[in-house]
N, C-alpha and C. Protein backbone atom coordinates (compact mmCIF):
# COMPACT_ATOMS: atom_id res chain seq x y z
N UNK A 1 25.32 -43.46 -17.59
CA UNK A 1 23.80 -43.76 -17.38
C UNK A 1 23.90 -44.84 -16.55
N UNK A 2 22.90 -44.70 -15.37
CA UNK A 2 22.75 -46.22 -14.64
C UNK A 2 21.38 -46.62 -14.98
N UNK A 3 21.67 -48.16 -15.10
CA UNK A 3 20.47 -48.96 -15.84
C UNK A 3 19.95 -49.53 -14.51
N UNK A 4 18.64 -49.35 -14.45
CA UNK A 4 17.60 -49.90 -13.38
C UNK A 4 17.02 -50.87 -13.74
N UNK A 5 16.41 -51.74 -12.98
CA UNK A 5 15.49 -52.89 -13.49
C UNK A 5 14.00 -52.53 -12.94
N UNK A 6 13.84 -51.43 -12.34
CA UNK A 6 12.50 -51.18 -11.96
C UNK A 6 12.15 -49.46 -11.94
N UNK A 7 10.87 -49.21 -11.73
CA UNK A 7 10.63 -47.69 -11.82
C UNK A 7 10.84 -47.23 -10.49
N UNK A 8 10.75 -48.21 -9.49
CA UNK A 8 11.13 -47.62 -8.07
C UNK A 8 12.62 -47.56 -7.70
N UNK A 9 13.41 -48.01 -8.28
CA UNK A 9 14.85 -47.97 -8.28
C UNK A 9 15.14 -46.53 -9.06
N UNK A 10 14.48 -46.22 -9.99
CA UNK A 10 14.68 -44.79 -10.43
C UNK A 10 14.31 -43.75 -9.86
N UNK A 11 13.29 -43.86 -8.75
CA UNK A 11 12.76 -42.81 -7.73
C UNK A 11 13.45 -42.90 -6.26
N UNK A 12 13.70 -43.98 -5.89
CA UNK A 12 14.07 -44.28 -4.54
C UNK A 12 15.46 -45.12 -4.37
N UNK A 13 16.04 -45.12 -3.42
CA UNK A 13 17.28 -46.19 -3.09
C UNK A 13 16.45 -47.35 -2.49
N UNK A 14 16.84 -48.63 -2.81
CA UNK A 14 16.50 -49.90 -2.44
C UNK A 14 16.52 -49.87 -1.00
N UNK A 15 17.26 -49.19 -0.20
CA UNK A 15 17.10 -49.19 1.16
C UNK A 15 16.10 -48.36 1.85
N UNK A 16 15.22 -47.67 0.89
CA UNK A 16 14.25 -46.78 1.24
C UNK A 16 12.95 -47.61 0.95
N UNK A 17 12.16 -47.94 2.04
CA UNK A 17 10.89 -48.40 2.02
C UNK A 17 9.47 -47.45 1.76
N UNK A 18 9.05 -47.34 0.49
CA UNK A 18 8.20 -46.56 0.13
C UNK A 18 6.84 -46.65 1.15
N UNK A 19 6.45 -45.24 1.46
CA UNK A 19 5.30 -45.36 2.21
C UNK A 19 3.98 -45.25 1.44
N UNK A 20 2.98 -45.67 2.21
CA UNK A 20 1.80 -45.76 1.63
C UNK A 20 1.54 -44.33 1.15
N UNK A 21 0.77 -44.33 -0.28
CA UNK A 21 0.06 -43.16 -1.03
C UNK A 21 -0.72 -43.00 -1.77
N UNK A 22 -2.03 -42.51 -1.34
CA UNK A 22 -3.33 -42.65 -1.87
C UNK A 22 -3.50 -41.24 -2.99
N UNK A 23 -3.95 -41.94 -4.28
CA UNK A 23 -4.05 -40.70 -5.29
C UNK A 23 -5.42 -41.05 -5.82
N UNK A 24 -6.19 -40.14 -6.10
CA UNK A 24 -7.68 -40.26 -6.54
C UNK A 24 -7.63 -39.05 -8.01
N UNK A 25 -7.73 -39.38 -8.91
CA UNK A 25 -8.31 -38.56 -10.02
C UNK A 25 -9.75 -38.65 -10.11
N UNK A 26 -10.49 -37.62 -9.94
CA UNK A 26 -11.88 -37.89 -9.95
C UNK A 26 -12.27 -37.76 -11.62
N UNK A 27 -12.25 -38.84 -12.36
CA UNK A 27 -12.67 -39.04 -13.56
C UNK A 27 -13.56 -40.23 -13.86
N UNK A 28 -14.16 -40.60 -14.89
CA UNK A 28 -14.94 -41.63 -15.18
C UNK A 28 -16.43 -41.51 -14.96
N UNK A 29 -17.02 -42.56 -14.51
CA UNK A 29 -18.70 -42.54 -14.03
C UNK A 29 -18.72 -42.48 -12.59
N UNK A 30 -17.82 -43.13 -11.95
CA UNK A 30 -18.25 -43.11 -10.44
C UNK A 30 -16.88 -43.23 -9.51
N UNK A 31 -17.03 -43.20 -8.42
CA UNK A 31 -15.91 -43.28 -7.39
C UNK A 31 -15.84 -44.69 -7.05
N UNK A 32 -14.74 -45.05 -6.30
CA UNK A 32 -14.84 -46.45 -5.91
C UNK A 32 -15.40 -46.33 -4.25
N UNK A 33 -16.40 -47.01 -4.33
CA UNK A 33 -17.25 -47.01 -2.99
C UNK A 33 -16.65 -47.88 -2.02
N UNK A 34 -15.82 -48.83 -2.43
CA UNK A 34 -15.06 -49.67 -1.51
C UNK A 34 -13.94 -48.56 -0.75
N UNK A 35 -13.68 -47.52 -1.30
CA UNK A 35 -12.87 -46.61 -0.61
C UNK A 35 -13.45 -45.51 -0.01
N UNK A 36 -14.38 -44.78 -0.80
CA UNK A 36 -15.02 -43.45 -0.38
C UNK A 36 -16.47 -43.90 0.33
N UNK A 37 -16.82 -42.96 1.12
CA UNK A 37 -18.18 -43.12 1.70
C UNK A 37 -18.76 -41.85 1.32
N UNK A 38 -19.97 -41.90 0.84
CA UNK A 38 -20.84 -40.75 0.65
C UNK A 38 -21.64 -40.36 2.25
N UNK A 39 -21.41 -39.07 2.68
CA UNK A 39 -21.93 -39.06 4.06
C UNK A 39 -22.80 -38.02 4.19
N UNK A 40 -24.13 -37.82 4.53
CA UNK A 40 -24.84 -36.88 4.94
C UNK A 40 -24.98 -36.63 6.22
N UNK A 41 -24.26 -35.43 6.66
CA UNK A 41 -24.01 -34.96 8.01
C UNK A 41 -25.25 -34.32 8.18
N UNK A 42 -25.96 -33.64 7.47
CA UNK A 42 -27.30 -33.24 7.76
C UNK A 42 -28.04 -32.47 6.45
N UNK A 43 -29.28 -33.19 6.33
CA UNK A 43 -29.99 -33.18 5.10
C UNK A 43 -29.71 -34.40 4.26
N UNK A 44 -30.32 -34.58 3.12
CA UNK A 44 -29.90 -35.48 2.01
C UNK A 44 -29.10 -34.91 0.88
N UNK A 45 -28.01 -34.93 0.68
CA UNK A 45 -27.15 -34.21 -0.31
C UNK A 45 -27.28 -35.11 -1.63
N UNK A 46 -26.39 -34.62 -2.50
CA UNK A 46 -26.35 -35.67 -3.80
C UNK A 46 -24.84 -35.55 -4.09
N UNK A 47 -24.50 -36.84 -4.84
CA UNK A 47 -23.13 -37.10 -5.22
C UNK A 47 -22.76 -37.57 -6.48
N UNK A 48 -22.27 -37.05 -7.59
CA UNK A 48 -21.94 -37.50 -9.06
C UNK A 48 -20.89 -36.84 -9.58
N UNK A 49 -20.66 -37.68 -10.64
CA UNK A 49 -19.19 -37.06 -11.26
C UNK A 49 -19.80 -36.17 -12.38
N UNK A 50 -19.25 -34.99 -12.59
CA UNK A 50 -20.08 -33.71 -13.42
C UNK A 50 -19.75 -33.97 -14.59
N UNK A 51 -20.62 -33.85 -15.63
CA UNK A 51 -20.73 -34.32 -17.19
C UNK A 51 -20.56 -32.97 -17.62
N UNK A 52 -19.20 -32.51 -17.47
CA UNK A 52 -18.58 -31.37 -17.93
C UNK A 52 -16.87 -31.31 -18.10
N UNK A 53 -16.23 -30.99 -18.96
CA UNK A 53 -14.95 -31.09 -19.11
C UNK A 53 -14.15 -30.50 -17.89
N UNK A 54 -13.16 -31.45 -17.26
CA UNK A 54 -12.08 -30.86 -16.43
C UNK A 54 -12.88 -30.46 -15.21
N UNK A 55 -14.13 -30.89 -14.59
CA UNK A 55 -14.95 -30.48 -13.53
C UNK A 55 -15.01 -31.25 -12.46
N UNK A 56 -14.57 -32.79 -12.81
CA UNK A 56 -14.28 -33.73 -11.67
C UNK A 56 -15.88 -34.03 -10.85
N UNK A 57 -15.60 -34.28 -9.94
CA UNK A 57 -16.81 -34.76 -8.88
C UNK A 57 -17.40 -33.95 -7.96
N UNK A 58 -18.46 -34.04 -7.81
CA UNK A 58 -19.46 -32.82 -7.29
C UNK A 58 -20.02 -33.34 -6.07
N UNK A 59 -19.91 -32.67 -4.85
CA UNK A 59 -20.65 -32.69 -3.73
C UNK A 59 -21.61 -31.78 -3.33
N UNK A 60 -22.75 -32.10 -3.26
CA UNK A 60 -23.92 -31.11 -3.07
C UNK A 60 -24.61 -31.27 -1.93
N UNK A 61 -24.80 -30.42 -1.11
CA UNK A 61 -25.76 -30.49 0.17
C UNK A 61 -27.17 -30.17 -0.19
N UNK A 62 -28.12 -30.94 0.71
CA UNK A 62 -29.29 -30.28 0.51
C UNK A 62 -29.74 -29.07 0.65
N UNK A 63 -30.93 -28.50 0.22
CA UNK A 63 -31.10 -26.98 0.39
C UNK A 63 -31.43 -26.56 1.61
N UNK A 64 -31.53 -27.20 2.50
CA UNK A 64 -32.21 -26.71 3.96
C UNK A 64 -30.83 -26.02 4.63
N UNK A 65 -31.37 -24.98 5.43
CA UNK A 65 -30.25 -24.36 5.95
C UNK A 65 -29.37 -25.13 7.07
N UNK A 66 -28.13 -24.75 6.79
CA UNK A 66 -26.88 -25.61 7.65
C UNK A 66 -27.09 -27.01 7.08
N UNK A 67 -27.35 -27.44 6.09
CA UNK A 67 -27.30 -28.94 5.68
C UNK A 67 -25.92 -29.20 5.10
N UNK A 68 -25.17 -30.19 5.39
CA UNK A 68 -23.85 -30.63 5.00
C UNK A 68 -23.71 -31.95 4.49
N UNK A 69 -22.86 -32.17 3.65
CA UNK A 69 -22.40 -33.50 2.91
C UNK A 69 -21.00 -33.29 2.68
N UNK A 70 -20.61 -34.79 2.56
CA UNK A 70 -19.19 -34.77 2.36
C UNK A 70 -18.85 -36.25 1.75
N UNK A 71 -17.55 -36.37 0.98
CA UNK A 71 -16.94 -37.80 0.71
C UNK A 71 -15.80 -37.74 2.06
N UNK A 72 -15.93 -39.16 2.53
CA UNK A 72 -14.67 -39.50 3.53
C UNK A 72 -14.08 -40.84 3.28
N UNK A 73 -13.37 -41.14 4.23
CA UNK A 73 -13.09 -42.84 4.30
C UNK A 73 -13.83 -43.70 5.30
N UNK A 74 -15.07 -43.13 5.82
CA UNK A 74 -15.83 -43.87 6.66
C UNK A 74 -14.79 -44.21 8.12
N UNK A 75 -13.97 -43.32 8.42
CA UNK A 75 -13.48 -43.27 9.48
C UNK A 75 -12.39 -44.33 9.57
N UNK A 76 -11.79 -44.42 8.37
CA UNK A 76 -10.48 -45.32 8.39
C UNK A 76 -9.53 -43.98 8.00
N UNK A 77 -8.62 -44.13 8.86
CA UNK A 77 -7.85 -43.09 9.33
C UNK A 77 -6.29 -43.46 9.11
N UNK A 78 -5.67 -43.21 7.93
CA UNK A 78 -4.39 -43.63 7.57
C UNK A 78 -3.56 -42.57 7.74
N UNK A 79 -3.57 -41.44 8.05
CA UNK A 79 -2.48 -40.63 8.09
C UNK A 79 -2.38 -39.72 9.74
N UNK A 80 -1.33 -39.60 9.83
CA UNK A 80 -0.77 -39.19 10.80
C UNK A 80 -0.87 -37.65 11.21
N UNK A 81 -1.42 -36.97 12.30
CA UNK A 81 -1.43 -35.86 12.67
C UNK A 81 -0.32 -35.03 12.48
N UNK A 82 0.89 -35.63 12.68
CA UNK A 82 2.12 -34.74 12.57
C UNK A 82 3.39 -35.09 11.74
N UNK A 83 2.85 -35.78 10.73
CA UNK A 83 3.85 -36.28 9.65
C UNK A 83 2.91 -36.82 8.25
N UNK A 84 2.08 -35.94 7.69
CA UNK A 84 1.50 -36.37 6.40
C UNK A 84 1.05 -35.11 5.31
N UNK A 85 0.64 -35.34 4.48
CA UNK A 85 0.41 -34.26 3.34
C UNK A 85 -0.86 -34.72 2.77
N UNK A 86 -1.40 -33.44 2.24
CA UNK A 86 -2.69 -33.91 1.57
C UNK A 86 -2.64 -32.86 0.46
N UNK A 87 -2.87 -33.20 -0.80
CA UNK A 87 -2.94 -32.20 -1.98
C UNK A 87 -4.33 -32.35 -2.70
N UNK A 88 -5.01 -31.25 -2.80
CA UNK A 88 -6.58 -31.47 -3.52
C UNK A 88 -6.58 -30.04 -4.62
N UNK A 89 -7.03 -30.42 -5.57
CA UNK A 89 -7.54 -29.09 -6.50
C UNK A 89 -8.99 -29.50 -6.39
N UNK A 90 -9.72 -28.35 -5.76
CA UNK A 90 -11.14 -28.09 -5.90
C UNK A 90 -11.60 -26.71 -5.97
N UNK A 91 -13.22 -26.65 -6.23
CA UNK A 91 -13.74 -25.35 -6.07
C UNK A 91 -14.93 -25.22 -5.49
N UNK A 92 -15.19 -24.00 -5.11
CA UNK A 92 -16.69 -23.64 -4.17
C UNK A 92 -17.52 -23.17 -5.47
N UNK A 93 -18.49 -23.86 -5.67
CA UNK A 93 -19.46 -23.54 -6.85
C UNK A 93 -20.34 -22.33 -6.64
N UNK A 94 -21.11 -22.63 -5.56
CA UNK A 94 -22.32 -21.46 -5.22
C UNK A 94 -21.85 -20.51 -4.10
N UNK A 95 -22.38 -19.58 -3.95
CA UNK A 95 -22.26 -18.42 -2.91
C UNK A 95 -22.88 -18.83 -1.77
N UNK A 96 -23.08 -18.37 -0.63
CA UNK A 96 -23.46 -18.32 0.89
C UNK A 96 -23.22 -19.91 0.96
N UNK A 97 -21.91 -20.39 0.81
CA UNK A 97 -21.63 -21.71 1.33
C UNK A 97 -20.26 -21.93 1.65
N UNK A 98 -19.62 -23.04 2.19
CA UNK A 98 -18.39 -23.15 2.59
C UNK A 98 -18.14 -24.63 2.06
N UNK A 99 -16.72 -24.62 1.94
CA UNK A 99 -15.94 -25.87 1.56
C UNK A 99 -14.87 -26.09 2.61
N UNK A 100 -14.75 -27.09 3.16
CA UNK A 100 -13.77 -27.70 4.12
C UNK A 100 -13.12 -29.01 3.86
N UNK A 101 -12.14 -28.83 3.04
CA UNK A 101 -11.33 -29.88 2.31
C UNK A 101 -10.12 -30.23 2.88
N UNK A 102 -9.81 -31.42 3.10
CA UNK A 102 -8.37 -31.82 3.71
C UNK A 102 -8.36 -33.13 4.16
N UNK A 103 -7.87 -33.20 5.66
CA UNK A 103 -7.82 -34.17 6.60
C UNK A 103 -8.63 -33.71 7.84
N UNK A 104 -9.12 -34.93 8.30
CA UNK A 104 -10.14 -34.84 9.52
C UNK A 104 -10.27 -35.96 10.27
N UNK A 105 -10.38 -36.13 11.81
CA UNK A 105 -10.74 -37.36 12.42
C UNK A 105 -12.14 -37.83 12.40
N UNK A 106 -13.00 -36.93 12.33
CA UNK A 106 -14.30 -37.35 12.48
C UNK A 106 -15.06 -37.02 11.06
N UNK A 107 -16.30 -37.67 11.00
CA UNK A 107 -17.12 -37.39 9.92
C UNK A 107 -18.47 -36.59 10.03
N UNK A 108 -18.17 -35.97 11.04
CA UNK A 108 -19.62 -35.13 11.51
C UNK A 108 -18.95 -33.72 11.33
N UNK A 109 -18.52 -33.14 9.92
CA UNK A 109 -18.22 -31.68 9.76
C UNK A 109 -16.73 -31.52 10.32
N UNK A 110 -16.05 -32.45 10.26
CA UNK A 110 -14.57 -31.92 10.74
C UNK A 110 -14.23 -31.13 11.75
N UNK A 111 -14.94 -31.26 12.84
CA UNK A 111 -15.12 -30.13 13.74
C UNK A 111 -13.90 -30.17 14.69
N UNK A 112 -13.14 -31.43 15.08
CA UNK A 112 -12.11 -31.48 15.77
C UNK A 112 -11.13 -32.37 15.08
N UNK A 113 -9.60 -32.36 15.60
CA UNK A 113 -8.56 -32.76 15.00
C UNK A 113 -8.58 -33.03 13.04
N UNK A 114 -8.33 -31.53 12.94
CA UNK A 114 -8.39 -31.26 11.27
C UNK A 114 -7.58 -30.41 10.73
N UNK A 115 -7.38 -30.73 9.73
CA UNK A 115 -6.29 -29.63 8.80
C UNK A 115 -7.07 -29.84 7.48
N UNK A 116 -7.59 -28.46 7.31
CA UNK A 116 -8.32 -28.42 5.93
C UNK A 116 -8.30 -26.94 5.26
N UNK A 117 -8.23 -27.03 4.10
CA UNK A 117 -8.37 -25.84 3.47
C UNK A 117 -9.71 -25.05 3.34
N UNK A 118 -10.04 -23.95 3.59
CA UNK A 118 -11.55 -23.64 3.94
C UNK A 118 -11.85 -22.36 2.79
N UNK A 119 -12.97 -22.40 2.06
CA UNK A 119 -13.48 -21.40 1.35
C UNK A 119 -14.76 -21.29 1.99
N UNK A 120 -15.07 -19.93 2.43
CA UNK A 120 -16.49 -19.67 2.97
C UNK A 120 -16.91 -18.34 2.50
N UNK A 121 -18.20 -18.23 2.24
CA UNK A 121 -18.80 -16.97 1.91
C UNK A 121 -18.40 -15.97 3.32
N UNK A 122 -18.56 -16.78 4.57
CA UNK A 122 -18.52 -15.84 5.80
C UNK A 122 -17.00 -15.35 5.87
N UNK A 123 -16.01 -15.52 5.25
CA UNK A 123 -14.59 -14.87 5.13
C UNK A 123 -14.40 -14.17 3.86
N UNK A 124 -13.41 -13.44 4.17
CA UNK A 124 -12.96 -12.62 2.70
C UNK A 124 -11.85 -13.40 2.04
N UNK A 125 -10.83 -14.20 2.96
CA UNK A 125 -9.84 -14.95 1.85
C UNK A 125 -9.99 -16.63 1.98
N UNK A 126 -9.23 -17.10 1.21
CA UNK A 126 -8.97 -18.53 1.61
C UNK A 126 -8.44 -18.74 2.89
N UNK A 127 -8.76 -19.89 3.86
CA UNK A 127 -8.22 -19.90 5.20
C UNK A 127 -7.68 -21.32 5.07
N UNK A 128 -6.55 -21.46 6.11
CA UNK A 128 -6.51 -22.80 6.72
C UNK A 128 -7.21 -22.97 8.12
N UNK A 129 -7.82 -23.95 8.22
CA UNK A 129 -8.59 -24.22 9.22
C UNK A 129 -8.17 -25.55 10.07
N UNK A 130 -7.68 -25.56 11.10
CA UNK A 130 -7.22 -26.55 11.99
C UNK A 130 -7.94 -26.67 13.25
N UNK A 131 -7.79 -28.01 13.82
CA UNK A 131 -8.44 -27.98 14.99
C UNK A 131 -7.76 -29.25 15.94
N UNK A 132 -7.62 -28.83 17.28
CA UNK A 132 -6.87 -30.07 18.02
C UNK A 132 -8.14 -31.00 18.63
N UNK A 133 -8.12 -31.54 19.88
CA UNK A 133 -9.20 -32.26 20.27
C UNK A 133 -10.48 -31.27 20.70
N UNK A 134 -10.21 -30.19 21.03
CA UNK A 134 -11.26 -29.28 21.65
C UNK A 134 -11.55 -27.92 20.97
N UNK A 135 -10.47 -27.36 20.08
CA UNK A 135 -10.80 -26.07 19.73
C UNK A 135 -10.58 -26.18 18.25
N UNK A 136 -11.15 -25.27 17.50
CA UNK A 136 -10.95 -25.23 16.09
C UNK A 136 -10.69 -23.66 15.50
N UNK A 137 -9.73 -23.34 14.68
CA UNK A 137 -9.48 -21.84 14.69
C UNK A 137 -8.84 -21.76 13.18
N UNK A 138 -8.93 -20.62 12.63
CA UNK A 138 -8.78 -20.37 11.11
C UNK A 138 -7.49 -19.31 11.20
N UNK A 139 -6.57 -19.54 10.07
CA UNK A 139 -5.67 -18.54 9.56
C UNK A 139 -6.05 -18.22 8.24
N UNK A 140 -5.91 -16.94 8.12
CA UNK A 140 -6.31 -16.43 6.61
C UNK A 140 -4.98 -16.18 5.83
N UNK A 141 -5.37 -16.60 4.51
CA UNK A 141 -4.06 -16.46 3.43
C UNK A 141 -4.53 -14.89 2.76
N UNK A 142 -3.65 -14.67 1.88
CA UNK A 142 -3.85 -13.19 1.32
C UNK A 142 -4.63 -13.30 -0.12
N UNK A 143 -4.98 -14.65 -0.41
CA UNK A 143 -6.01 -14.83 -1.36
C UNK A 143 -7.73 -14.74 -1.23
N UNK A 144 -8.10 -13.81 -2.12
CA UNK A 144 -9.65 -13.82 -1.92
C UNK A 144 -10.34 -14.98 -2.21
N UNK A 145 -11.36 -15.22 -1.65
CA UNK A 145 -12.23 -16.51 -1.84
C UNK A 145 -12.73 -16.29 -3.31
N UNK A 146 -12.82 -17.58 -4.11
CA UNK A 146 -13.62 -17.51 -5.34
C UNK A 146 -14.34 -18.65 -5.82
N UNK A 147 -14.44 -18.80 -6.85
CA UNK A 147 -15.21 -20.22 -7.34
C UNK A 147 -14.29 -20.65 -8.49
N UNK A 148 -13.17 -20.69 -8.24
CA UNK A 148 -12.09 -21.19 -9.55
C UNK A 148 -11.33 -22.54 -9.03
N UNK A 149 -11.24 -23.79 -9.73
CA UNK A 149 -10.53 -24.70 -9.39
C UNK A 149 -9.31 -24.22 -8.81
N UNK A 150 -8.73 -24.48 -7.83
CA UNK A 150 -7.42 -24.37 -7.31
C UNK A 150 -6.66 -25.33 -6.41
N UNK A 151 -5.50 -25.26 -6.70
CA UNK A 151 -4.62 -26.22 -5.87
C UNK A 151 -4.26 -25.84 -4.73
N UNK A 152 -4.51 -27.04 -3.67
CA UNK A 152 -4.19 -26.60 -2.23
C UNK A 152 -3.22 -27.97 -1.74
N UNK A 153 -2.17 -27.51 -0.99
CA UNK A 153 -1.39 -28.44 -0.21
C UNK A 153 -1.34 -28.31 0.90
N UNK A 154 -1.61 -29.29 2.13
CA UNK A 154 -1.58 -28.98 3.35
C UNK A 154 -0.50 -30.02 3.90
N UNK A 155 0.57 -29.47 4.80
CA UNK A 155 1.63 -30.37 5.17
C UNK A 155 1.15 -30.11 6.76
N UNK A 156 1.10 -31.60 7.37
CA UNK A 156 1.04 -31.44 8.75
C UNK A 156 2.37 -32.17 9.24
N UNK A 157 3.30 -31.05 9.99
CA UNK A 157 4.26 -31.29 10.65
C UNK A 157 4.28 -31.44 12.24
N UNK A 158 5.34 -31.64 12.88
CA UNK A 158 5.45 -31.88 14.15
C UNK A 158 4.97 -30.38 15.00
N UNK A 159 5.28 -29.57 14.59
CA UNK A 159 5.15 -28.15 15.23
C UNK A 159 4.46 -27.27 14.66
N UNK A 160 4.11 -27.63 13.18
CA UNK A 160 3.22 -26.62 12.52
C UNK A 160 2.26 -26.98 11.30
N UNK A 161 1.39 -26.51 11.05
CA UNK A 161 0.75 -26.79 9.91
C UNK A 161 0.76 -25.75 8.85
N UNK A 162 0.91 -26.24 7.41
CA UNK A 162 1.27 -25.25 6.45
C UNK A 162 0.25 -25.33 5.16
N UNK A 163 -0.18 -24.30 4.79
CA UNK A 163 -0.99 -24.38 3.69
C UNK A 163 -0.34 -23.80 2.32
N UNK A 164 0.03 -24.47 1.40
CA UNK A 164 0.25 -23.93 0.02
C UNK A 164 -0.79 -23.91 -0.84
N UNK A 165 -0.71 -22.56 -1.83
CA UNK A 165 -1.91 -22.36 -2.64
C UNK A 165 -1.30 -22.29 -3.92
N UNK A 166 -1.65 -22.98 -4.99
CA UNK A 166 -1.24 -22.75 -6.13
C UNK A 166 0.59 -23.01 -6.27
N UNK A 167 0.88 -23.74 -5.43
CA UNK A 167 2.52 -23.94 -5.26
C UNK A 167 3.09 -22.98 -4.38
N UNK A 168 2.43 -21.83 -3.47
CA UNK A 168 3.01 -20.80 -2.77
C UNK A 168 2.73 -21.24 -1.32
N UNK A 169 3.70 -21.06 -0.46
CA UNK A 169 3.44 -21.10 1.00
C UNK A 169 2.44 -19.73 1.56
N UNK A 170 1.31 -19.97 1.92
CA UNK A 170 0.43 -18.78 2.27
C UNK A 170 0.17 -18.88 3.76
N UNK A 171 0.11 -20.06 4.41
CA UNK A 171 -0.03 -19.88 5.88
C UNK A 171 0.70 -20.86 6.59
N UNK A 172 1.20 -20.42 7.58
CA UNK A 172 2.01 -21.36 8.64
C UNK A 172 1.27 -21.43 9.90
N UNK A 173 0.53 -22.41 10.39
CA UNK A 173 -0.10 -22.37 11.66
C UNK A 173 0.18 -23.27 12.78
N UNK A 174 0.60 -22.77 13.87
CA UNK A 174 1.07 -23.46 15.01
C UNK A 174 0.31 -23.71 16.19
N UNK A 175 -0.91 -23.19 16.06
CA UNK A 175 -2.07 -23.14 17.15
C UNK A 175 -2.90 -24.27 16.61
N UNK A 176 -3.71 -25.01 17.68
CA UNK A 176 -4.82 -25.88 17.45
C UNK A 176 -4.39 -27.02 16.52
N UNK A 177 -3.56 -27.44 16.59
CA UNK A 177 -3.00 -28.64 15.54
C UNK A 177 -3.64 -29.93 15.97
N UNK A 178 -4.03 -30.97 14.85
CA UNK A 178 -4.57 -31.95 15.20
C UNK A 178 -3.74 -33.11 16.11
N UNK A 179 -4.21 -33.86 16.60
CA UNK A 179 -3.69 -34.68 17.88
C UNK A 179 -3.94 -36.16 17.51
N UNK A 180 -4.69 -36.42 16.52
CA UNK A 180 -5.06 -37.91 16.00
C UNK A 180 -4.70 -38.21 14.80
N UNK A 181 -5.19 -39.29 14.30
CA UNK A 181 -4.69 -39.87 12.91
C UNK A 181 -6.13 -39.21 12.18
N UNK A 182 -5.82 -39.08 10.88
CA UNK A 182 -7.12 -38.38 10.29
C UNK A 182 -7.14 -39.43 8.79
N UNK A 183 -8.40 -38.80 8.24
CA UNK A 183 -9.02 -39.34 6.97
C UNK A 183 -9.06 -38.16 5.90
N UNK A 184 -9.08 -38.28 4.76
CA UNK A 184 -9.49 -37.25 3.70
C UNK A 184 -10.98 -36.88 3.88
N UNK A 185 -11.32 -35.63 3.62
CA UNK A 185 -12.50 -35.28 3.68
C UNK A 185 -12.86 -34.24 2.51
N UNK A 186 -13.92 -34.34 1.86
CA UNK A 186 -14.30 -33.43 0.89
C UNK A 186 -15.63 -33.17 1.05
N UNK A 187 -15.88 -31.76 1.61
CA UNK A 187 -17.01 -31.35 2.65
C UNK A 187 -17.75 -30.11 1.78
N UNK A 188 -19.12 -30.03 1.91
CA UNK A 188 -19.81 -28.97 1.18
C UNK A 188 -21.07 -28.74 2.29
N UNK A 189 -20.66 -27.32 2.71
CA UNK A 189 -22.00 -27.00 3.58
C UNK A 189 -22.61 -25.64 3.13
N UNK A 190 -23.72 -25.32 3.44
CA UNK A 190 -24.49 -24.15 3.19
C UNK A 190 -24.67 -23.27 4.34
N UNK A 191 -24.68 -22.24 4.17
CA UNK A 191 -24.96 -20.87 5.36
C UNK A 191 -26.24 -20.32 5.38
N UNK A 192 -27.09 -20.91 4.22
CA UNK A 192 -28.34 -20.38 4.19
C UNK A 192 -29.13 -21.37 3.44
N UNK A 193 -30.31 -21.05 3.21
CA UNK A 193 -31.25 -22.19 2.50
C UNK A 193 -31.05 -22.47 1.11
N UNK A 194 -29.68 -22.79 0.43
CA UNK A 194 -29.36 -23.00 -0.78
C UNK A 194 -28.66 -24.47 -0.92
N UNK A 195 -28.65 -25.03 -1.85
CA UNK A 195 -27.57 -26.05 -2.30
C UNK A 195 -26.11 -25.55 -2.35
N UNK A 196 -25.35 -26.01 -1.47
CA UNK A 196 -24.04 -25.66 -1.22
C UNK A 196 -23.28 -26.82 -2.23
N UNK A 197 -22.28 -26.61 -3.33
CA UNK A 197 -21.70 -27.28 -3.94
C UNK A 197 -20.22 -27.29 -4.00
N UNK A 198 -19.56 -28.20 -3.97
CA UNK A 198 -17.86 -28.34 -4.18
C UNK A 198 -17.73 -29.31 -5.27
N UNK A 199 -16.64 -29.07 -6.05
CA UNK A 199 -16.27 -29.84 -7.30
C UNK A 199 -14.80 -30.11 -6.81
N UNK A 200 -14.55 -31.53 -7.01
CA UNK A 200 -12.90 -31.82 -6.70
C UNK A 200 -12.33 -32.27 -7.80
N UNK A 201 -11.11 -32.04 -8.22
CA UNK A 201 -10.59 -32.92 -9.66
C UNK A 201 -9.57 -33.89 -9.12
N UNK A 202 -8.88 -33.80 -7.85
CA UNK A 202 -7.68 -34.42 -7.92
C UNK A 202 -7.43 -34.50 -6.11
N UNK A 203 -7.16 -35.54 -5.77
CA UNK A 203 -6.78 -35.68 -4.18
C UNK A 203 -5.57 -36.34 -4.20
N UNK A 204 -4.57 -36.32 -3.32
CA UNK A 204 -3.59 -37.06 -3.08
C UNK A 204 -2.96 -36.99 -1.87
N UNK A 205 -2.95 -38.07 -0.77
CA UNK A 205 -2.56 -37.94 0.61
C UNK A 205 -1.42 -38.91 0.80
N UNK A 206 -0.47 -38.77 1.80
CA UNK A 206 0.55 -39.73 2.19
C UNK A 206 1.19 -39.22 3.56
N UNK A 207 1.72 -40.11 4.03
CA UNK A 207 2.44 -40.00 5.36
C UNK A 207 4.02 -39.72 4.85
N UNK A 208 4.60 -38.67 5.82
CA UNK A 208 6.15 -38.20 5.34
C UNK A 208 6.86 -39.29 6.23
């Protein structure tokens, strides 16, 4: 047995510099507003920790049509477009809505330079949504959309974006890959005049 003097030595060789890793368990009374920003893209939504077991944090849009709200890093972009990973556990709560959660460059709906797991009433399956500087497109998994907490992992590499769902590789996408640094986004939007709600329990992001 090898004896080490630190936890780091048990996980990595001392010749390796550990890269920055962000981890958020959505527990307690409130998120850290020194890190997260509550953004209303359209309408005035609501943000709150859920008073229920194992439900995490809730982002809800306003009820007007096409309203959108999200958590983001206020355009502080730590994560590179071609060598980063984000892991999220979230669920879509209400129908006629969409969740677009993952990494994105801008805070106006993750419209360009994005890599997100998307669940939308407008789709049949859970999708990987990516965008370069001008074009956004989606590739479908083989898992039908639902309202259950699901674990997603998005790997942004030099030639491909991969979506893992509950530990299994479901989508590999080589088109419309992001070209700029990105930030975490937890996004809820509606497709009709109802409140759109997403709940997130866990988020981890790091550069590889």
